[in-house]
C-alpha cells in the first residue's frame, strides 16, 4: 500500500540545520531506496512561490501564497510503498524534519477500476 509522508516545518528553520540536515536527508533517501520503499519524493519551493486557486460560480480566482497561513508549512513529501501503516510510521519517524517539525502520514486512496 502507498502512503504519503507530508513534511511540515517552520519556514526558514531548515537553514539552521542545513549542513547536517542535507546529509541526513541524503542518508534517509538512500535507506528507503535500498529498502525498496521509496516511490518518489521532492522538496517544495518556499511558500512565497505558491498560488492558491479557487473556482466559484464559474469564476477562477488566483491568490498569491498558500491556502492557509500557518506556523508550519508543507515543505516536501515522500511517497512510500509499505506493507501497512506501522511500517509507514516507522519510516516517517526517520525523516530528518520529524526532529523539529511534523511529518503527517496518510494512505493513498485506491479507486477500483
C-alpha atoms as a PDB file:
ATOM      1  CA  UNK A   1       0.000   0.000   0.000  1.00  0.00           C
ATOM      2  CA  UNK A   2       1.190   3.519  -0.697  1.00  0.00           C
ATOM      3  CA  UNK A   3       1.462   6.238   1.932  1.00  0.00           C
ATOM      4  CA  UNK A   4       2.233   9.922   1.535  1.00  0.00           C
ATOM      5  CA  UNK A   5       4.541  11.371   4.184  1.00  0.00           C
ATOM      6  CA  UNK A   6       3.934  15.132   4.234  1.00  0.00           C
ATOM      7  CA  UNK A   7       6.789  17.118   5.784  1.00  0.00           C
ATOM      8  CA  UNK A   8       5.888  20.262   7.745  1.00  0.00           C
ATOM      9  CA  UNK A   9       8.217  22.714   9.468  1.00  0.00           C
ATOM     10  CA  UNK A  10       8.555  26.385  10.295  1.00  0.00           C
ATOM     11  CA  UNK A  11       9.625  28.078   7.079  1.00  0.00           C
ATOM     12  CA  UNK A  12      13.271  29.117   7.208  1.00  0.00           C
ATOM     13  CA  UNK A  13      14.054  26.903  10.186  1.00  0.00           C
ATOM     14  CA  UNK A  14      15.793  24.402   7.934  1.00  0.00           C
ATOM     15  CA  UNK A  15      18.580  26.932   7.330  1.00  0.00           C
ATOM     16  CA  UNK A  16      19.615  26.456  10.986  1.00  0.00           C
ATOM     17  CA  UNK A  17      20.109  22.748  10.304  1.00  0.00           C
ATOM     18  CA  UNK A  18      21.174  22.968   6.659  1.00  0.00           C
ATOM     19  CA  UNK A  19      24.554  21.199   6.717  1.00  0.00           C
ATOM     20  CA  UNK A  20      23.566  18.259   8.880  1.00  0.00           C
ATOM     21  CA  UNK A  21      20.026  18.139   7.552  1.00  0.00           C
ATOM     22  CA  UNK A  22      21.059  17.752   3.907  1.00  0.00           C
ATOM     23  CA  UNK A  23      23.379  14.878   4.832  1.00  0.00           C
ATOM     24  CA  UNK A  24      20.610  13.327   6.949  1.00  0.00           C
ATOM     25  CA  UNK A  25      18.132  13.590   4.046  1.00  0.00           C
ATOM     26  CA  UNK A  26      20.640  12.028   1.629  1.00  0.00           C
ATOM     27  CA  UNK A  27      21.160   9.116   4.041  1.00  0.00           C
ATOM     28  CA  UNK A  28      17.408   8.694   4.618  1.00  0.00           C
ATOM     29  CA  UNK A  29      16.643   8.767   0.878  1.00  0.00           C
ATOM     30  CA  UNK A  30      19.365   6.181   0.247  1.00  0.00           C
ATOM     31  CA  UNK A  31      17.992   3.935   3.006  1.00  0.00           C
ATOM     32  CA  UNK A  32      14.389   3.970   1.737  1.00  0.00           C
ATOM     33  CA  UNK A  33      15.560   3.497  -1.843  1.00  0.00           C
ATOM     34  CA  UNK A  34      17.698   0.499  -0.852  1.00  0.00           C
ATOM     35  CA  UNK A  35      14.774  -0.950   1.147  1.00  0.00           C
ATOM     36  CA  UNK A  36      12.503  -0.628  -1.911  1.00  0.00           C
ATOM     37  CA  UNK A  37      10.125   1.671  -0.021  1.00  0.00           C
ATOM     38  CA  UNK A  38      10.642   4.927  -1.919  1.00  0.00           C
ATOM     39  CA  UNK A  39       8.228   5.547  -4.772  1.00  0.00           C
ATOM     40  CA  UNK A  40       9.000   9.268  -5.050  1.00  0.00           C
ATOM     41  CA  UNK A  41       9.542  12.473  -3.162  1.00  0.00           C
ATOM     42  CA  UNK A  42      10.532  16.085  -3.591  1.00  0.00           C
ATOM     43  CA  UNK A  43      11.191  19.266  -1.658  1.00  0.00           C
ATOM     44  CA  UNK A  44       8.901  22.201  -2.392  1.00  0.00           C
ATOM     45  CA  UNK A  45       9.870  25.790  -3.167  1.00  0.00           C
ATOM     46  CA  UNK A  46       9.100  28.401  -0.443  1.00  0.00           C
ATOM     47  CA  UNK A  47       5.510  29.472   0.184  1.00  0.00           C
ATOM     48  CA  UNK A  48       6.310  32.819  -1.462  1.00  0.00           C
ATOM     49  CA  UNK A  49       6.150  30.918  -4.782  1.00  0.00           C
ATOM     50  CA  UNK A  50       2.752  29.326  -4.067  1.00  0.00           C
ATOM     51  CA  UNK A  51      -0.502  30.165  -5.822  1.00  0.00           C
ATOM     52  CA  UNK A  52      -3.903  29.155  -4.495  1.00  0.00           C
ATOM     53  CA  UNK A  53      -6.709  28.646  -6.992  1.00  0.00           C
ATOM     54  CA  UNK A  54     -10.437  28.589  -6.338  1.00  0.00           C
ATOM     55  CA  UNK A  55     -13.356  28.327  -8.737  1.00  0.00           C
ATOM     56  CA  UNK A  56     -16.689  29.684  -7.527  1.00  0.00           C
ATOM     57  CA  UNK A  57     -19.733  30.079  -9.748  1.00  0.00           C
ATOM     58  CA  UNK A  58     -17.539  29.501 -12.797  1.00  0.00           C
ATOM     59  CA  UNK A  59     -15.057  32.256 -11.834  1.00  0.00           C
ATOM     60  CA  UNK A  60     -11.405  31.314 -11.272  1.00  0.00           C
ATOM     61  CA  UNK A  61      -9.530  33.283  -8.639  1.00  0.00           C
ATOM     62  CA  UNK A  62      -5.775  33.037  -8.153  1.00  0.00           C
ATOM     63  CA  UNK A  63      -4.260  34.230  -4.876  1.00  0.00           C
ATOM     64  CA  UNK A  64      -0.550  34.531  -4.171  1.00  0.00           C
ATOM     65  CA  UNK A  65       0.628  32.345  -1.323  1.00  0.00           C
ATOM     66  CA  UNK A  66      -0.526  29.150   0.340  1.00  0.00           C
ATOM     67  CA  UNK A  67      -4.167  28.282   1.021  1.00  0.00           C
ATOM     68  CA  UNK A  68      -3.849  28.834   4.772  1.00  0.00           C
ATOM     69  CA  UNK A  69      -1.419  30.883   6.802  1.00  0.00           C
ATOM     70  CA  UNK A  70       0.029  28.648   9.466  1.00  0.00           C
ATOM     71  CA  UNK A  71       3.162  28.458  11.570  1.00  0.00           C
ATOM     72  CA  UNK A  72       4.287  25.223   9.925  1.00  0.00           C
ATOM     73  CA  UNK A  73       4.344  24.949   6.140  1.00  0.00           C
ATOM     74  CA  UNK A  74       4.382  21.981   3.785  1.00  0.00           C
ATOM     75  CA  UNK A  75       7.996  21.738   2.665  1.00  0.00           C
ATOM     76  CA  UNK A  76       8.085  18.426   0.829  1.00  0.00           C
ATOM     77  CA  UNK A  77       6.907  14.841   0.714  1.00  0.00           C
ATOM     78  CA  UNK A  78       7.856  11.222   0.248  1.00  0.00           C
ATOM     79  CA  UNK A  79       5.623   8.657  -1.422  1.00  0.00           C
ATOM     80  CA  UNK A  80       6.277   5.326   0.305  1.00  0.00           C
ATOM     81  CA  UNK A  81       5.309   1.758  -0.569  1.00  0.00           C
ATOM     82  CA  UNK A  82       4.794  -0.058   2.748  1.00  0.00           C
ATOM     83  CA  UNK A  83       3.043  -3.224   3.868  1.00  0.00           C
ATOM     84  CA  UNK A  84       0.963  -1.325   6.441  1.00  0.00           C
ATOM     85  CA  UNK A  85       0.584   1.882   8.449  1.00  0.00           C
ATOM     86  CA  UNK A  86       3.008   0.685  11.120  1.00  0.00           C
ATOM     87  CA  UNK A  87       5.788   0.323   8.563  1.00  0.00           C
ATOM     88  CA  UNK A  88       4.970   3.732   7.044  1.00  0.00           C
ATOM     89  CA  UNK A  89       5.139   5.328  10.507  1.00  0.00           C
ATOM     90  CA  UNK A  90       8.465   3.604  11.184  1.00  0.00           C
ATOM     91  CA  UNK A  91       9.956   5.142   8.035  1.00  0.00           C
ATOM     92  CA  UNK A  92       8.296   8.542   8.531  1.00  0.00           C
ATOM     93  CA  UNK A  93       9.779   8.811  12.026  1.00  0.00           C
ATOM     94  CA  UNK A  94      13.215   8.655  10.380  1.00  0.00           C
ATOM     95  CA  UNK A  95      12.588  11.679   8.143  1.00  0.00           C
ATOM     96  CA  UNK A  96      15.053  14.304   9.447  1.00  0.00           C
ATOM     97  CA  UNK A  97      12.449  17.077   9.799  1.00  0.00           C
ATOM     98  CA  UNK A  98      10.499  14.933  12.287  1.00  0.00           C
ATOM     99  CA  UNK A  99      13.120  16.038  14.872  1.00  0.00           C
ATOM    100  CA  UNK A 100      11.916  19.664  14.817  1.00  0.00           C
ATOM    101  CA  UNK A 101       8.768  19.722  12.661  1.00  0.00           C
ATOM    102  CA  UNK A 102       5.883  17.366  11.904  1.00  0.00           C
ATOM    103  CA  UNK A 103       5.503  14.502   9.447  1.00  0.00           C
ATOM    104  CA  UNK A 104       1.932  13.564   8.542  1.00  0.00           C
ATOM    105  CA  UNK A 105       1.359  10.084   7.103  1.00  0.00           C
ATOM    106  CA  UNK A 106      -1.721   9.402   5.004  1.00  0.00           C
ATOM    107  CA  UNK A 107      -2.662   6.338   2.970  1.00  0.00           C
ATOM    108  CA  UNK A 108      -3.224   6.835  -0.738  1.00  0.00           C
ATOM    109  CA  UNK A 109      -6.829   6.153  -1.686  1.00  0.00           C
ATOM    110  CA  UNK A 110      -7.187   3.457  -4.323  1.00  0.00           C
ATOM    111  CA  UNK A 111     -10.215   3.611  -6.572  1.00  0.00           C
ATOM    112  CA  UNK A 112     -11.461   0.354  -8.051  1.00  0.00           C
ATOM    113  CA  UNK A 113     -11.053   0.281 -11.801  1.00  0.00           C
END
